[in-house]
Amino acid sequence: MSEKRRFAYYAVYKRTEDGWIYEIPDLKETGFPRDIDDARKMAREGVALGIKWKIEDGEEIPTPSTREELKKLVAEDPDVGDDWAIELIEVDLD
């Protein structure tokens, strides 16, 4: 029986005219859900699948950015308005 490993990465959510965008910058995952509930669900799946694929492909698992690093990155993005949020996504994988 394999031991579960916990991974934690921040997701950035941004509201658009058509819905939302979520990004997990450290894993280069992005999605375009219609609402924030879908964004949160898709972000969790994005972290799980992004890590799983990296492990399967023998790629290095990236070191997670800090909340402060991502807040600075978002603040410097000219395309992001005031409607955004950052959330820590934690997943357990075998």
C-alpha atoms as a PDB file:
ATOM      1  CA  MET A   1       0.000   0.000   0.000  1.00  0.00           C
ATOM      2  CA  SER A   2       1.503   3.319  -1.023  1.00  0.00           C
ATOM      3  CA  GLU A   3       1.691   6.295   1.260  1.00  0.00           C
ATOM      4  CA  LYS A   4      -0.317   9.393   0.394  1.00  0.00           C
ATOM      5  CA  ARG A   5       1.611  12.577  -0.288  1.00  0.00           C
ATOM      6  CA  ARG A   6       0.160  16.036   0.233  1.00  0.00           C
ATOM      7  CA  PHE A   7       0.784  18.791  -2.296  1.00  0.00           C
ATOM      8  CA  ALA A   8      -0.246  22.415  -1.863  1.00  0.00           C
ATOM      9  CA  TYR A   9      -0.250  25.135  -4.519  1.00  0.00           C
ATOM     10  CA  TYR A  10      -1.972  28.478  -4.777  1.00  0.00           C
ATOM     11  CA  ALA A  11      -4.670  29.116  -7.340  1.00  0.00           C
ATOM     12  CA  VAL A  12      -5.389  32.611  -8.605  1.00  0.00           C
ATOM     13  CA  TYR A  13      -8.990  33.359  -9.566  1.00  0.00           C
ATOM     14  CA  LYS A  14      -9.856  36.320 -11.796  1.00  0.00           C
ATOM     15  CA  ARG A  15     -13.316  37.488 -12.822  1.00  0.00           C
ATOM     16  CA  THR A  16     -13.864  38.244 -16.504  1.00  0.00           C
ATOM     17  CA  GLU A  17     -16.830  39.554 -18.472  1.00  0.00           C
ATOM     18  CA  ASP A  18     -17.729  35.960 -19.426  1.00  0.00           C
ATOM     19  CA  GLY A  19     -17.073  34.202 -16.121  1.00  0.00           C
ATOM     20  CA  TRP A  20     -13.823  33.361 -14.407  1.00  0.00           C
ATOM     21  CA  ILE A  21     -10.256  32.305 -15.105  1.00  0.00           C
ATOM     22  CA  TYR A  22      -8.281  30.203 -12.705  1.00  0.00           C
ATOM     23  CA  GLU A  23      -4.523  29.778 -12.874  1.00  0.00           C
ATOM     24  CA  ILE A  24      -2.074  27.662 -10.951  1.00  0.00           C
ATOM     25  CA  PRO A  25       1.074  29.461 -12.065  1.00  0.00           C
ATOM     26  CA  ASP A  26       3.556  26.980 -10.597  1.00  0.00           C
ATOM     27  CA  LEU A  27       2.013  24.106 -12.573  1.00  0.00           C
ATOM     28  CA  LYS A  28       1.122  26.153 -15.666  1.00  0.00           C
ATOM     29  CA  GLU A  29      -2.529  25.094 -15.362  1.00  0.00           C
ATOM     30  CA  THR A  30      -5.350  27.373 -16.519  1.00  0.00           C
ATOM     31  CA  GLY A  31      -9.088  26.955 -16.897  1.00  0.00           C
ATOM     32  CA  PHE A  32     -12.099  29.009 -17.899  1.00  0.00           C
ATOM     33  CA  PRO A  33     -15.054  28.097 -15.664  1.00  0.00           C
ATOM     34  CA  ARG A  34     -18.375  29.951 -15.696  1.00  0.00           C
ATOM     35  CA  ASP A  35     -18.576  30.591 -11.957  1.00  0.00           C
ATOM     36  CA  ILE A  36     -16.409  30.611  -8.849  1.00  0.00           C
ATOM     37  CA  ASP A  37     -17.666  27.214  -7.662  1.00  0.00           C
ATOM     38  CA  ASP A  38     -16.557  25.626 -10.931  1.00  0.00           C
ATOM     39  CA  ALA A  39     -13.287  27.556 -10.726  1.00  0.00           C
ATOM     40  CA  ARG A  40     -12.520  26.098  -7.309  1.00  0.00           C
ATOM     41  CA  LYS A  41     -13.407  22.571  -8.435  1.00  0.00           C
ATOM     42  CA  MET A  42     -11.348  22.868 -11.617  1.00  0.00           C
ATOM     43  CA  ALA A  43      -8.377  24.323  -9.721  1.00  0.00           C
ATOM     44  CA  ARG A  44      -8.361  21.343  -7.331  1.00  0.00           C
ATOM     45  CA  GLU A  45      -8.482  18.958 -10.304  1.00  0.00           C
ATOM     46  CA  GLY A  46      -5.757  21.011 -12.028  1.00  0.00           C
ATOM     47  CA  VAL A  47      -3.392  20.634  -9.078  1.00  0.00           C
ATOM     48  CA  ALA A  48      -4.058  16.892  -8.775  1.00  0.00           C
ATOM     49  CA  LEU A  49      -3.644  16.200 -12.499  1.00  0.00           C
ATOM     50  CA  GLY A  50      -0.696  18.564 -12.932  1.00  0.00           C
ATOM     51  CA  ILE A  51       1.254  16.796 -10.169  1.00  0.00           C
ATOM     52  CA  LYS A  52       0.194  13.338 -11.348  1.00  0.00           C
ATOM     53  CA  TRP A  53       1.373  14.023 -14.904  1.00  0.00           C
ATOM     54  CA  LYS A  54       4.699  15.406 -13.710  1.00  0.00           C
ATOM     55  CA  ILE A  55       5.300  12.296 -11.593  1.00  0.00           C
ATOM     56  CA  GLU A  56       4.312   9.967 -14.466  1.00  0.00           C
ATOM     57  CA  ASP A  57       6.597  11.848 -16.882  1.00  0.00           C
ATOM     58  CA  GLY A  58       9.506  11.862 -14.419  1.00  0.00           C
ATOM     59  CA  GLU A  59       9.508  15.649 -14.280  1.00  0.00           C
ATOM     60  CA  GLU A  60      10.576  17.665 -11.274  1.00  0.00           C
ATOM     61  CA  ILE A  61       7.767  18.806  -8.977  1.00  0.00           C
ATOM     62  CA  PRO A  62       8.031  22.613  -8.784  1.00  0.00           C
ATOM     63  CA  THR A  63       8.485  24.382  -5.480  1.00  0.00           C
ATOM     64  CA  PRO A  64       5.239  26.206  -4.664  1.00  0.00           C
ATOM     65  CA  SER A  65       5.249  29.993  -4.763  1.00  0.00           C
ATOM     66  CA  THR A  66       4.332  31.850  -1.624  1.00  0.00           C
ATOM     67  CA  ARG A  67       1.088  33.777  -1.287  1.00  0.00           C
ATOM     68  CA  GLU A  68       3.090  37.016  -1.214  1.00  0.00           C
ATOM     69  CA  GLU A  69       4.902  36.148  -4.470  1.00  0.00           C
ATOM     70  CA  LEU A  70       1.601  35.514  -6.226  1.00  0.00           C
ATOM     71  CA  LYS A  71      -0.038  38.654  -4.840  1.00  0.00           C
ATOM     72  CA  LYS A  72       2.863  40.661  -6.275  1.00  0.00           C
ATOM     73  CA  LEU A  73       2.579  38.864  -9.620  1.00  0.00           C
ATOM     74  CA  VAL A  74      -1.164  39.595  -9.820  1.00  0.00           C
ATOM     75  CA  ALA A  75      -0.697  43.226  -8.751  1.00  0.00           C
ATOM     76  CA  GLU A  76       1.838  43.724 -11.567  1.00  0.00           C
ATOM     77  CA  ASP A  77      -0.494  42.266 -14.230  1.00  0.00           C
ATOM     78  CA  PRO A  78      -2.076  45.186 -16.151  1.00  0.00           C
ATOM     79  CA  ASP A  79      -4.959  42.979 -17.348  1.00  0.00           C
ATOM     80  CA  VAL A  80      -6.203  42.165 -13.847  1.00  0.00           C
ATOM     81  CA  GLY A  81      -8.693  44.469 -12.210  1.00  0.00           C
ATOM     82  CA  ASP A  82      -9.799  44.479  -8.607  1.00  0.00           C
ATOM     83  CA  ASP A  83     -11.865  41.290  -8.745  1.00  0.00           C
ATOM     84  CA  TRP A  84      -9.435  38.481  -7.991  1.00  0.00           C
ATOM     85  CA  ALA A  85      -8.568  36.079  -5.185  1.00  0.00           C
ATOM     86  CA  ILE A  86      -5.864  33.618  -4.185  1.00  0.00           C
ATOM     87  CA  GLU A  87      -6.614  30.273  -2.533  1.00  0.00           C
ATOM     88  CA  LEU A  88      -4.357  27.496  -1.276  1.00  0.00           C
ATOM     89  CA  ILE A  89      -5.319  24.190  -2.902  1.00  0.00           C
ATOM     90  CA  GLU A  90      -4.216  21.044  -1.072  1.00  0.00           C
ATOM     91  CA  VAL A  91      -4.494  17.571  -2.561  1.00  0.00           C
ATOM     92  CA  ASP A  92      -3.427  14.134  -1.355  1.00  0.00           C
ATOM     93  CA  LEU A  93      -2.067  11.714  -3.953  1.00  0.00           C
ATOM     94  CA  ASP A  94      -0.935   8.091  -3.734  1.00  0.00           C
END
